Amino acid sequence: MKKILLTAGMLVGFSAFSQAQEGRVGINTTRPAATLDVVGDAGNTSKPDALLVPRMTRAQLTAKDNAYVTDQNGALAFVTTIDGTASSKTTNVTTAGFYYYDAPSATWKTLGGGSVAPTLPTFRTIASGTTAAIQESDIGNCVILNAQTISTVTLPAPTSAMAGKSVKIFEASGAANPTISSSDYKSTGAGVIVNATGISLITDGISWFSDSLQ
Protein backbone atom coordinates (compact mmCIF):
# COMPACT_ATOMS: atom_id res chain seq x y z
CA MET A 1 0.00 0.00 0.00
CA LYS A 2 2.83 2.34 0.90
CA LYS A 3 4.51 1.55 -2.42
CA ILE A 4 1.30 2.37 -4.30
CA LEU A 5 0.90 5.72 -2.50
CA LEU A 6 4.56 6.53 -3.06
CA THR A 7 4.28 5.72 -6.76
CA ALA A 8 1.11 7.82 -7.11
CA GLY A 9 2.80 10.72 -5.33
CA MET A 10 5.81 10.50 -7.62
CA LEU A 11 3.55 10.54 -10.69
CA VAL A 12 1.66 13.63 -9.48
CA GLY A 13 4.93 15.34 -8.67
CA PHE A 14 6.40 14.44 -12.05
CA SER A 15 3.28 15.73 -13.83
CA ALA A 16 3.42 19.05 -11.95
CA PHE A 17 7.15 19.31 -12.64
CA SER A 18 6.57 18.58 -16.32
CA GLN A 19 3.94 21.33 -16.63
CA ALA A 20 6.16 23.74 -14.71
CA GLN A 21 8.98 23.00 -17.10
CA GLU A 22 6.70 23.96 -19.96
CA GLY A 23 6.21 27.32 -18.26
CA ARG A 24 2.40 27.13 -18.35
CA VAL A 25 -0.20 27.34 -15.60
CA GLY A 26 -3.76 26.12 -15.97
CA ILE A 27 -6.82 26.94 -13.88
CA ASN A 28 -9.70 24.48 -14.29
CA THR A 29 -7.62 22.67 -16.91
CA THR A 30 -4.79 20.15 -16.89
CA ARG A 31 -3.73 21.13 -20.42
CA PRO A 32 -2.95 24.87 -20.36
CA ALA A 33 -2.64 26.24 -23.89
CA ALA A 34 -0.77 29.42 -22.90
CA THR A 35 1.42 30.84 -20.13
CA LEU A 36 -1.77 31.28 -18.09
CA ASP A 37 -4.92 29.49 -19.26
CA VAL A 38 -8.08 30.16 -17.24
CA VAL A 39 -11.00 27.96 -18.22
CA GLY A 40 -14.50 28.92 -17.09
CA ASP A 41 -16.92 26.51 -15.49
CA ALA A 42 -19.96 27.15 -17.71
CA GLY A 43 -21.93 24.36 -16.08
CA ASN A 44 -21.89 26.00 -12.65
CA THR A 45 -24.31 28.92 -12.93
CA SER A 46 -23.84 29.93 -9.27
CA LYS A 47 -20.12 30.62 -9.65
CA PRO A 48 -18.85 33.77 -11.43
CA ASP A 49 -16.18 33.16 -14.07
CA ALA A 50 -13.88 36.16 -14.53
CA LEU A 51 -10.39 37.47 -14.02
CA LEU A 52 -10.12 40.15 -11.35
CA VAL A 53 -7.15 42.53 -11.55
CA PRO A 54 -6.13 44.79 -8.64
CA ARG A 55 -8.83 47.37 -7.86
CA MET A 56 -8.01 50.67 -6.20
CA THR A 57 -8.87 54.36 -6.20
CA ARG A 58 -6.78 56.92 -8.09
CA ALA A 59 -5.32 58.19 -4.81
CA GLN A 60 -4.25 54.67 -3.87
CA LEU A 61 -2.70 54.11 -7.29
CA THR A 62 -0.91 57.47 -7.13
CA ALA A 63 0.52 56.54 -3.73
CA LYS A 64 2.27 53.60 -5.45
CA ASP A 65 4.01 55.80 -8.07
CA ASN A 66 7.51 54.73 -7.03
CA ALA A 67 6.60 51.05 -7.31
CA TYR A 68 5.92 51.26 -11.05
CA VAL A 69 9.09 51.37 -13.13
CA THR A 70 10.38 49.62 -16.26
CA ASP A 71 9.73 46.10 -14.93
CA GLN A 72 6.02 46.93 -14.50
CA ASN A 73 5.51 47.87 -18.16
CA GLY A 74 2.09 46.51 -19.19
CA ALA A 75 0.76 46.12 -15.63
CA LEU A 76 -3.04 46.25 -15.48
CA ALA A 77 -5.22 47.85 -12.79
CA PHE A 78 -8.85 48.89 -12.38
CA VAL A 79 -9.47 52.33 -10.91
CA THR A 80 -12.74 52.39 -8.97
CA THR A 81 -12.96 56.04 -7.90
CA ILE A 82 -11.39 59.32 -9.01
CA ASP A 83 -10.12 60.90 -5.80
CA GLY A 84 -7.05 62.76 -4.61
CA THR A 85 -4.67 64.72 -6.85
CA ALA A 86 -3.21 63.13 -9.95
CA SER A 87 0.56 62.85 -10.34
CA SER A 88 2.54 62.86 -13.58
CA LYS A 89 2.03 59.08 -13.74
CA THR A 90 -1.71 59.15 -13.10
CA THR A 91 -2.48 62.33 -15.07
CA ASN A 92 -4.49 60.28 -17.59
CA VAL A 93 -6.56 58.61 -14.88
CA THR A 94 -9.68 60.77 -15.14
CA THR A 95 -12.53 58.23 -15.10
CA ALA A 96 -13.14 54.86 -13.49
CA GLY A 97 -12.01 51.95 -15.62
CA PHE A 98 -9.10 49.77 -16.72
CA TYR A 99 -5.62 51.27 -17.06
CA TYR A 100 -2.27 49.82 -18.06
CA TYR A 101 1.16 51.13 -17.10
CA ASP A 102 3.20 52.40 -20.04
CA ALA A 103 6.82 52.47 -18.86
CA PRO A 104 8.27 54.42 -21.84
CA SER A 105 6.02 57.40 -21.06
CA ALA A 106 5.90 56.68 -17.31
CA THR A 107 2.11 57.08 -17.31
CA TRP A 108 -1.00 54.99 -16.84
CA LYS A 109 -3.06 54.79 -20.03
CA THR A 110 -6.71 53.89 -20.31
CA LEU A 111 -8.18 50.74 -21.79
CA GLY A 112 -11.62 52.32 -21.56
CA GLY A 113 -14.20 52.12 -18.81
CA GLY A 114 -17.46 51.58 -20.64
CA SER A 115 -19.77 54.27 -21.91
CA VAL A 116 -17.92 57.43 -20.94
CA ALA A 117 -18.75 60.72 -22.59
CA PRO A 118 -15.73 62.38 -24.28
CA THR A 119 -14.25 65.43 -22.65
CA LEU A 120 -14.96 68.43 -24.87
CA PRO A 121 -12.66 71.47 -24.93
CA THR A 122 -13.78 74.63 -23.18
CA PHE A 123 -13.54 78.15 -24.58
CA ARG A 124 -12.27 81.10 -22.56
CA THR A 125 -12.43 84.65 -23.91
CA ILE A 126 -10.00 87.41 -23.01
CA ALA A 127 -11.67 90.69 -23.95
CA SER A 128 -9.44 93.36 -22.44
CA GLY A 129 -5.90 94.31 -21.51
CA THR A 130 -2.60 94.31 -23.36
CA THR A 131 -1.32 90.91 -22.17
CA ALA A 132 -3.22 87.64 -22.52
CA ALA A 133 -1.97 85.16 -19.94
CA ILE A 134 -2.64 81.56 -20.89
CA GLN A 135 -3.39 79.58 -17.72
CA GLU A 136 -2.56 75.97 -16.90
CA SER A 137 -6.33 75.33 -16.86
CA ASP A 138 -6.41 76.35 -20.55
CA ILE A 139 -4.28 73.35 -21.54
CA GLY A 140 -6.34 71.05 -23.74
CA ASN A 141 -8.81 73.86 -24.38
CA CYS A 142 -9.26 77.00 -26.49
CA VAL A 143 -8.64 80.67 -25.73
CA ILE A 144 -10.23 83.47 -27.76
CA LEU A 145 -8.49 86.86 -27.85
CA ASN A 146 -11.16 89.44 -28.49
CA ALA A 147 -9.45 92.74 -27.75
CA GLN A 148 -7.57 94.95 -30.21
CA THR A 149 -5.33 96.09 -27.36
CA ILE A 150 -3.76 92.65 -26.78
CA SER A 151 -0.15 92.70 -27.97
CA THR A 152 1.45 89.91 -25.94
CA VAL A 153 0.55 86.32 -25.08
CA THR A 154 2.31 84.57 -22.18
CA LEU A 155 2.37 80.81 -21.61
CA PRO A 156 2.44 78.74 -18.41
CA ALA A 157 5.68 76.97 -17.54
CA PRO A 158 5.45 73.40 -18.93
CA THR A 159 5.36 70.46 -16.51
CA SER A 160 5.67 66.72 -17.06
CA ALA A 161 1.92 66.40 -16.49
CA MET A 162 1.33 68.61 -19.56
CA ALA A 163 3.47 66.52 -21.93
CA GLY A 164 1.67 65.81 -25.20
CA LYS A 165 -1.09 68.32 -24.52
CA SER A 166 -1.91 71.43 -26.50
CA VAL A 167 -3.74 74.74 -26.33
CA LYS A 168 -5.40 76.58 -29.22
CA ILE A 169 -5.41 80.37 -29.30
CA PHE A 170 -7.63 82.37 -31.67
CA GLU A 171 -7.40 86.10 -32.48
CA ALA A 172 -10.99 87.26 -32.92
CA SER A 173 -10.77 91.06 -32.83
CA GLY A 174 -9.67 91.17 -36.45
CA ALA A 175 -7.13 93.90 -35.73
CA ALA A 176 -4.55 92.74 -33.19
CA ASN A 177 -1.40 90.75 -34.04
CA PRO A 178 -0.23 89.60 -30.60
CA THR A 179 3.16 87.97 -30.13
CA ILE A 180 3.91 84.98 -27.92
CA SER A 181 6.33 86.03 -25.20
CA SER A 182 7.72 83.06 -23.29
CA SER A 183 11.21 81.72 -22.69
CA ASP A 184 9.76 78.22 -23.07
CA TYR A 185 8.52 78.89 -26.62
CA LYS A 186 11.03 77.13 -28.90
CA SER A 187 9.54 77.27 -32.40
CA THR A 188 11.59 78.99 -35.08
CA GLY A 189 8.75 81.31 -36.11
CA ALA A 190 8.21 84.73 -34.58
CA GLY A 191 5.18 83.51 -32.69
CA VAL A 192 2.89 86.17 -34.09
CA ILE A 193 -0.81 85.31 -34.04
CA VAL A 194 -2.07 87.00 -37.19
CA ASN A 195 -5.40 88.76 -36.76
CA ALA A 196 -8.51 86.72 -37.49
CA THR A 197 -6.51 83.46 -37.38
CA GLY A 198 -5.30 81.08 -34.72
CA ILE A 199 -2.34 79.08 -33.50
CA SER A 200 -2.01 75.68 -31.86
CA LEU A 201 0.76 75.13 -29.31
CA ILE A 202 1.91 71.77 -27.98
CA THR A 203 4.33 70.94 -25.17
CA ASP A 204 6.66 68.05 -24.46
CA GLY A 205 6.62 68.93 -20.78
CA ILE A 206 9.75 71.08 -21.13
CA SER A 207 9.11 73.54 -23.96
CA TRP A 208 6.28 74.89 -26.12
CA PHE A 209 6.19 74.36 -29.89
CA SER A 210 3.92 75.69 -32.62
CA ASP A 211 1.58 73.37 -34.46
CA SER A 212 0.23 76.38 -36.30
CA LEU A 213 -3.30 76.76 -37.59
CA GLN A 214 -2.27 79.87 -39.51
C-alpha atoms as a PDB file:
ATOM      1  CA  MET A   1       0.000   0.000   0.000  1.00  0.00           C
ATOM      2  CA  LYS A   2       2.828   2.340   0.896  1.00  0.00           C
ATOM      3  CA  LYS A   3       4.512   1.555  -2.422  1.00  0.00           C
ATOM      4  CA  ILE A   4       1.304   2.367  -4.302  1.00  0.00           C
ATOM      5  CA  LEU A   5       0.896   5.720  -2.504  1.00  0.00           C
ATOM      6  CA  LEU A   6       4.558   6.534  -3.057  1.00  0.00           C
ATOM      7  CA  THR A   7       4.275   5.722  -6.763  1.00  0.00           C
ATOM      8  CA  ALA A   8       1.110   7.822  -7.111  1.00  0.00           C
ATOM      9  CA  GLY A   9       2.795  10.724  -5.331  1.00  0.00           C
ATOM     10  CA  MET A  10       5.805  10.505  -7.620  1.00  0.00           C
ATOM     11  CA  LEU A  11       3.548  10.535 -10.693  1.00  0.00           C
ATOM     12  CA  VAL A  12       1.665  13.628  -9.483  1.00  0.00           C
ATOM     13  CA  GLY A  13       4.930  15.343  -8.674  1.00  0.00           C
ATOM     14  CA  PHE A  14       6.396  14.441 -12.054  1.00  0.00           C
ATOM     15  CA  SER A  15       3.278  15.730 -13.829  1.00  0.00           C
ATOM     16  CA  ALA A  16       3.425  19.048 -11.955  1.00  0.00           C
ATOM     17  CA  PHE A  17       7.145  19.309 -12.636  1.00  0.00           C
ATOM     18  CA  SER A  18       6.572  18.576 -16.325  1.00  0.00           C
ATOM     19  CA  GLN A  19       3.940  21.332 -16.633  1.00  0.00           C
ATOM     20  CA  ALA A  20       6.160  23.739 -14.714  1.00  0.00           C
ATOM     21  CA  GLN A  21       8.983  23.000 -17.102  1.00  0.00           C
ATOM     22  CA  GLU A  22       6.701  23.961 -19.962  1.00  0.00           C
ATOM     23  CA  GLY A  23       6.209  27.325 -18.260  1.00  0.00           C
ATOM     24  CA  ARG A  24       2.401  27.132 -18.348  1.00  0.00           C
ATOM     25  CA  VAL A  25      -0.203  27.337 -15.605  1.00  0.00           C
ATOM     26  CA  GLY A  26      -3.756  26.124 -15.973  1.00  0.00           C
ATOM     27  CA  ILE A  27      -6.818  26.938 -13.875  1.00  0.00           C
ATOM     28  CA  ASN A  28      -9.704  24.479 -14.290  1.00  0.00           C
ATOM     29  CA  THR A  29      -7.622  22.670 -16.907  1.00  0.00           C
ATOM     30  CA  THR A  30      -4.789  20.150 -16.887  1.00  0.00           C
ATOM     31  CA  ARG A  31      -3.732  21.129 -20.415  1.00  0.00           C
ATOM     32  CA  PRO A  32      -2.947  24.875 -20.356  1.00  0.00           C
ATOM     33  CA  ALA A  33      -2.642  26.240 -23.887  1.00  0.00           C
ATOM     34  CA  ALA A  34      -0.767  29.418 -22.896  1.00  0.00           C
ATOM     35  CA  THR A  35       1.417  30.843 -20.127  1.00  0.00           C
ATOM     36  CA  LEU A  36      -1.774  31.282 -18.085  1.00  0.00           C
ATOM     37  CA  ASP A  37      -4.918  29.493 -19.256  1.00  0.00           C
ATOM     38  CA  VAL A  38      -8.076  30.161 -17.239  1.00  0.00           C
ATOM     39  CA  VAL A  39     -11.002  27.965 -18.221  1.00  0.00           C
ATOM     40  CA  GLY A  40     -14.497  28.920 -17.091  1.00  0.00           C
ATOM     41  CA  ASP A  41     -16.918  26.508 -15.489  1.00  0.00           C
ATOM     42  CA  ALA A  42     -19.956  27.150 -17.706  1.00  0.00           C
ATOM     43  CA  GLY A  43     -21.934  24.356 -16.084  1.00  0.00           C
ATOM     44  CA  ASN A  44     -21.891  26.000 -12.653  1.00  0.00           C
ATOM     45  CA  THR A  45     -24.313  28.925 -12.930  1.00  0.00           C
ATOM     46  CA  SER A  46     -23.840  29.929  -9.268  1.00  0.00           C
ATOM     47  CA  LYS A  47     -20.120  30.617  -9.647  1.00  0.00           C
ATOM     48  CA  PRO A  48     -18.852  33.767 -11.431  1.00  0.00           C
ATOM     49  CA  ASP A  49     -16.178  33.160 -14.066  1.00  0.00           C
ATOM     50  CA  ALA A  50     -13.877  36.156 -14.531  1.00  0.00           C
ATOM     51  CA  LEU A  51     -10.395  37.467 -14.021  1.00  0.00           C
ATOM     52  CA  LEU A  52     -10.117  40.153 -11.351  1.00  0.00           C
ATOM     53  CA  VAL A  53      -7.149  42.529 -11.551  1.00  0.00           C
ATOM     54  CA  PRO A  54      -6.134  44.790  -8.636  1.00  0.00           C
ATOM     55  CA  ARG A  55      -8.834  47.371  -7.865  1.00  0.00           C
ATOM     56  CA  MET A  56      -8.008  50.675  -6.196  1.00  0.00           C
ATOM     57  CA  THR A  57      -8.867  54.357  -6.196  1.00  0.00           C
ATOM     58  CA  ARG A  58      -6.784  56.917  -8.087  1.00  0.00           C
ATOM     59  CA  ALA A  59      -5.317  58.193  -4.809  1.00  0.00           C
ATOM     60  CA  GLN A  60      -4.251  54.669  -3.868  1.00  0.00           C
ATOM     61  CA  LEU A  61      -2.701  54.111  -7.289  1.00  0.00           C
ATOM     62  CA  THR A  62      -0.914  57.470  -7.132  1.00  0.00           C
ATOM     63  CA  ALA A  63       0.525  56.540  -3.728  1.00  0.00           C
ATOM     64  CA  LYS A  64       2.271  53.604  -5.450  1.00  0.00           C
ATOM     65  CA  ASP A  65       4.011  55.796  -8.069  1.00  0.00           C
ATOM     66  CA  ASN A  66       7.513  54.732  -7.032  1.00  0.00           C
ATOM     67  CA  ALA A  67       6.598  51.046  -7.310  1.00  0.00           C
ATOM     68  CA  TYR A  68       5.919  51.263 -11.049  1.00  0.00           C
ATOM     69  CA  VAL A  69       9.085  51.367 -13.129  1.00  0.00           C
ATOM     70  CA  THR A  70      10.384  49.617 -16.259  1.00  0.00           C
ATOM     71  CA  ASP A  71       9.728  46.102 -14.927  1.00  0.00           C
ATOM     72  CA  GLN A  72       6.021  46.926 -14.496  1.00  0.00           C
ATOM     73  CA  ASN A  73       5.510  47.865 -18.160  1.00  0.00           C
ATOM     74  CA  GLY A  74       2.095  46.512 -19.187  1.00  0.00           C
ATOM     75  CA  ALA A  75       0.763  46.124 -15.631  1.00  0.00           C
ATOM     76  CA  LEU A  76      -3.040  46.248 -15.484  1.00  0.00           C
ATOM     77  CA  ALA A  77      -5.219  47.847 -12.792  1.00  0.00           C
ATOM     78  CA  PHE A  78      -8.850  48.885 -12.384  1.00  0.00           C
ATOM     79  CA  VAL A  79      -9.474  52.332 -10.908  1.00  0.00           C
ATOM     80  CA  THR A  80     -12.740  52.392  -8.973  1.00  0.00           C
ATOM     81  CA  THR A  81     -12.960  56.043  -7.897  1.00  0.00           C
ATOM     82  CA  ILE A  82     -11.392  59.319  -9.010  1.00  0.00           C
ATOM     83  CA  ASP A  83     -10.121  60.899  -5.801  1.00  0.00           C
ATOM     84  CA  GLY A  84      -7.049  62.761  -4.610  1.00  0.00           C
ATOM     85  CA  THR A  85      -4.667  64.720  -6.847  1.00  0.00           C
ATOM     86  CA  ALA A  86      -3.209  63.131  -9.950  1.00  0.00           C
ATOM     87  CA  SER A  87       0.559  62.851 -10.339  1.00  0.00           C
ATOM     88  CA  SER A  88       2.539  62.860 -13.575  1.00  0.00           C
ATOM     89  CA  LYS A  89       2.033  59.080 -13.736  1.00  0.00           C
ATOM     90  CA  THR A  90      -1.715  59.151 -13.095  1.00  0.00           C
ATOM     91  CA  THR A  91      -2.481  62.331 -15.066  1.00  0.00           C
ATOM     92  CA  ASN A  92      -4.493  60.281 -17.594  1.00  0.00           C
ATOM     93  CA  VAL A  93      -6.562  58.614 -14.878  1.00  0.00           C
ATOM     94  CA  THR A  94      -9.681  60.771 -15.142  1.00  0.00           C
ATOM     95  CA  THR A  95     -12.530  58.233 -15.099  1.00  0.00           C
ATOM     96  CA  ALA A  96     -13.141  54.864 -13.486  1.00  0.00           C
ATOM     97  CA  GLY A  97     -12.012  51.948 -15.620  1.00  0.00           C
ATOM     98  CA  PHE A  98      -9.102  49.766 -16.722  1.00  0.00           C
ATOM     99  CA  TYR A  99      -5.617  51.272 -17.055  1.00  0.00           C
ATOM    100  CA  TYR A 100      -2.267  49.821 -18.063  1.00  0.00           C
ATOM    101  CA  TYR A 101       1.161  51.134 -17.096  1.00  0.00           C
ATOM    102  CA  ASP A 102       3.205  52.401 -20.044  1.00  0.00           C
ATOM    103  CA  ALA A 103       6.820  52.469 -18.864  1.00  0.00           C
ATOM    104  CA  PRO A 104       8.272  54.417 -21.845  1.00  0.00           C
ATOM    105  CA  SER A 105       6.019  57.400 -21.057  1.00  0.00           C
ATOM    106  CA  ALA A 106       5.896  56.683 -17.307  1.00  0.00           C
ATOM    107  CA  THR A 107       2.108  57.077 -17.315  1.00  0.00           C
ATOM    108  CA  TRP A 108      -1.004  54.990 -16.844  1.00  0.00           C
ATOM    109  CA  LYS A 109      -3.059  54.787 -20.029  1.00  0.00           C
ATOM    110  CA  THR A 110      -6.713  53.891 -20.313  1.00  0.00           C
ATOM    111  CA  LEU A 111      -8.179  50.742 -21.794  1.00  0.00           C
ATOM    112  CA  GLY A 112     -11.622  52.323 -21.557  1.00  0.00           C
ATOM    113  CA  GLY A 113     -14.199  52.116 -18.812  1.00  0.00           C
ATOM    114  CA  GLY A 114     -17.460  51.577 -20.636  1.00  0.00           C
ATOM    115  CA  SER A 115     -19.775  54.275 -21.906  1.00  0.00           C
ATOM    116  CA  VAL A 116     -17.916  57.434 -20.939  1.00  0.00           C
ATOM    117  CA  ALA A 117     -18.746  60.724 -22.588  1.00  0.00           C
ATOM    118  CA  PRO A 118     -15.732  62.376 -24.284  1.00  0.00           C
ATOM    119  CA  THR A 119     -14.252  65.434 -22.655  1.00  0.00           C
ATOM    120  CA  LEU A 120     -14.964  68.429 -24.871  1.00  0.00           C
ATOM    121  CA  PRO A 121     -12.662  71.473 -24.930  1.00  0.00           C
ATOM    122  CA  THR A 122     -13.780  74.626 -23.179  1.00  0.00           C
ATOM    123  CA  PHE A 123     -13.541  78.154 -24.582  1.00  0.00           C
ATOM    124  CA  ARG A 124     -12.268  81.103 -22.559  1.00  0.00           C
ATOM    125  CA  THR A 125     -12.431  84.649 -23.912  1.00  0.00           C
ATOM    126  CA  ILE A 126      -9.995  87.413 -23.006  1.00  0.00           C
ATOM    127  CA  ALA A 127     -11.672  90.691 -23.953  1.00  0.00           C
ATOM    128  CA  SER A 128      -9.442  93.361 -22.441  1.00  0.00           C
ATOM    129  CA  GLY A 129      -5.895  94.312 -21.508  1.00  0.00           C
ATOM    130  CA  THR A 130      -2.598  94.309 -23.359  1.00  0.00           C
ATOM    131  CA  THR A 131      -1.325  90.907 -22.175  1.00  0.00           C
ATOM    132  CA  ALA A 132      -3.222  87.641 -22.517  1.00  0.00           C
ATOM    133  CA  ALA A 133      -1.969  85.161 -19.936  1.00  0.00           C
ATOM    134  CA  ILE A 134      -2.638  81.560 -20.891  1.00  0.00           C
ATOM    135  CA  GLN A 135      -3.385  79.583 -17.724  1.00  0.00           C
ATOM    136  CA  GLU A 136      -2.565  75.969 -16.896  1.00  0.00           C
ATOM    137  CA  SER A 137      -6.326  75.333 -16.864  1.00  0.00           C
ATOM    138  CA  ASP A 138      -6.410  76.351 -20.551  1.00  0.00           C
ATOM    139  CA  ILE A 139      -4.277  73.354 -21.545  1.00  0.00           C
ATOM    140  CA  GLY A 140      -6.339  71.054 -23.742  1.00  0.00           C
ATOM    141  CA  ASN A 141      -8.807  73.858 -24.379  1.00  0.00           C
ATOM    142  CA  CYS A 142      -9.258  76.996 -26.492  1.00  0.00           C
ATOM    143  CA  VAL A 143      -8.640  80.670 -25.731  1.00  0.00           C
ATOM    144  CA  ILE A 144     -10.230  83.469 -27.756  1.00  0.00           C
ATOM    145  CA  LEU A 145      -8.487  86.856 -27.851  1.00  0.00           C
ATOM    146  CA  ASN A 146     -11.163  89.440 -28.490  1.00  0.00           C
ATOM    147  CA  ALA A 147      -9.454  92.739 -27.752  1.00  0.00           C
ATOM    148  CA  GLN A 148      -7.570  94.952 -30.210  1.00  0.00           C
ATOM    149  CA  THR A 149      -5.334  96.090 -27.355  1.00  0.00           C
ATOM    150  CA  ILE A 150      -3.760  92.653 -26.776  1.00  0.00           C
ATOM    151  CA  SER A 151      -0.153  92.702 -27.969  1.00  0.00           C
ATOM    152  CA  THR A 152       1.446  89.908 -25.936  1.00  0.00           C
ATOM    153  CA  VAL A 153       0.546  86.318 -25.079  1.00  0.00           C
ATOM    154  CA  THR A 154       2.306  84.572 -22.181  1.00  0.00           C
ATOM    155  CA  LEU A 155       2.373  80.810 -21.613  1.00  0.00           C
ATOM    156  CA  PRO A 156       2.436  78.743 -18.410  1.00  0.00           C
ATOM    157  CA  ALA A 157       5.679  76.971 -17.545  1.00  0.00           C
ATOM    158  CA  PRO A 158       5.454  73.404 -18.931  1.00  0.00           C
ATOM    159  CA  THR A 159       5.363  70.464 -16.509  1.00  0.00           C
ATOM    160  CA  SER A 160       5.670  66.725 -17.065  1.00  0.00           C
ATOM    161  CA  ALA A 161       1.919  66.396 -16.495  1.00  0.00           C
ATOM    162  CA  MET A 162       1.332  68.606 -19.563  1.00  0.00           C
ATOM    163  CA  ALA A 163       3.468  66.522 -21.927  1.00  0.00           C
ATOM    164  CA  GLY A 164       1.669  65.805 -25.200  1.00  0.00           C
ATOM    165  CA  LYS A 165      -1.086  68.324 -24.518  1.00  0.00           C
ATOM    166  CA  SER A 166      -1.906  71.435 -26.498  1.00  0.00           C
ATOM    167  CA  VAL A 167      -3.743  74.737 -26.335  1.00  0.00           C
ATOM    168  CA  LYS A 168      -5.398  76.585 -29.216  1.00  0.00           C
ATOM    169  CA  ILE A 169      -5.406  80.373 -29.300  1.00  0.00           C
ATOM    170  CA  PHE A 170      -7.628  82.374 -31.671  1.00  0.00           C
ATOM    171  CA  GLU A 171      -7.396  86.098 -32.477  1.00  0.00           C
ATOM    172  CA  ALA A 172     -10.990  87.256 -32.923  1.00  0.00           C
ATOM    173  CA  SER A 173     -10.774  91.063 -32.827  1.00  0.00           C
ATOM    174  CA  GLY A 174      -9.674  91.172 -36.454  1.00  0.00           C
ATOM    175  CA  ALA A 175      -7.134  93.901 -35.734  1.00  0.00           C
ATOM    176  CA  ALA A 176      -4.546  92.737 -33.192  1.00  0.00           C
ATOM    177  CA  ASN A 177      -1.400  90.748 -34.044  1.00  0.00           C
ATOM    178  CA  PRO A 178      -0.232  89.596 -30.603  1.00  0.00           C
ATOM    179  CA  THR A 179       3.165  87.973 -30.131  1.00  0.00           C
ATOM    180  CA  ILE A 180       3.913  84.978 -27.924  1.00  0.00           C
ATOM    181  CA  SER A 181       6.327  86.029 -25.201  1.00  0.00           C
ATOM    182  CA  SER A 182       7.715  83.056 -23.292  1.00  0.00           C
ATOM    183  CA  SER A 183      11.214  81.716 -22.687  1.00  0.00           C
ATOM    184  CA  ASP A 184       9.759  78.218 -23.071  1.00  0.00           C
ATOM    185  CA  TYR A 185       8.518  78.895 -26.623  1.00  0.00           C
ATOM    186  CA  LYS A 186      11.028  77.130 -28.903  1.00  0.00           C
ATOM    187  CA  SER A 187       9.537  77.268 -32.402  1.00  0.00           C
ATOM    188  CA  THR A 188      11.591  78.992 -35.084  1.00  0.00           C
ATOM    189  CA  GLY A 189       8.754  81.314 -36.110  1.00  0.00           C
ATOM    190  CA  ALA A 190       8.215  84.730 -34.580  1.00  0.00           C
ATOM    191  CA  GLY A 191       5.183  83.511 -32.690  1.00  0.00           C
ATOM    192  CA  VAL A 192       2.894  86.174 -34.090  1.00  0.00           C
ATOM    193  CA  ILE A 193      -0.813  85.314 -34.042  1.00  0.00           C
ATOM    194  CA  VAL A 194      -2.070  87.003 -37.192  1.00  0.00           C
ATOM    195  CA  ASN A 195      -5.397  88.762 -36.757  1.00  0.00           C
ATOM    196  CA  ALA A 196      -8.509  86.720 -37.490  1.00  0.00           C
ATOM    197  CA  THR A 197      -6.507  83.456 -37.381  1.00  0.00           C
ATOM    198  CA  GLY A 198      -5.301  81.081 -34.719  1.00  0.00           C
ATOM    199  CA  ILE A 199      -2.335  79.078 -33.501  1.00  0.00           C
ATOM    200  CA  SER A 200      -2.009  75.676 -31.859  1.00  0.00           C
ATOM    201  CA  LEU A 201       0.763  75.129 -29.313  1.00  0.00           C
ATOM    202  CA  ILE A 202       1.913  71.771 -27.982  1.00  0.00           C
ATOM    203  CA  THR A 203       4.331  70.936 -25.170  1.00  0.00           C
ATOM    204  CA  ASP A 204       6.659  68.054 -24.464  1.00  0.00           C
ATOM    205  CA  GLY A 205       6.624  68.933 -20.779  1.00  0.00           C
ATOM    206  CA  ILE A 206       9.749  71.079 -21.130  1.00  0.00           C
ATOM    207  CA  SER A 207       9.107  73.544 -23.959  1.00  0.00           C
ATOM    208  CA  TRP A 208       6.283  74.888 -26.115  1.00  0.00           C
ATOM    209  CA  PHE A 209       6.190  74.364 -29.890  1.00  0.00           C
ATOM    210  CA  SER A 210       3.921  75.692 -32.618  1.00  0.00           C
ATOM    211  CA  ASP A 211       1.584  73.374 -34.459  1.00  0.00           C
ATOM    212  CA  SER A 212       0.228  76.384 -36.301  1.00  0.00           C
ATOM    213  CA  LEU A 213      -3.298  76.764 -37.586  1.00  0.00           C
ATOM    214  CA  GLN A 214      -2.273  79.870 -39.508  1.00  0.00           C
END
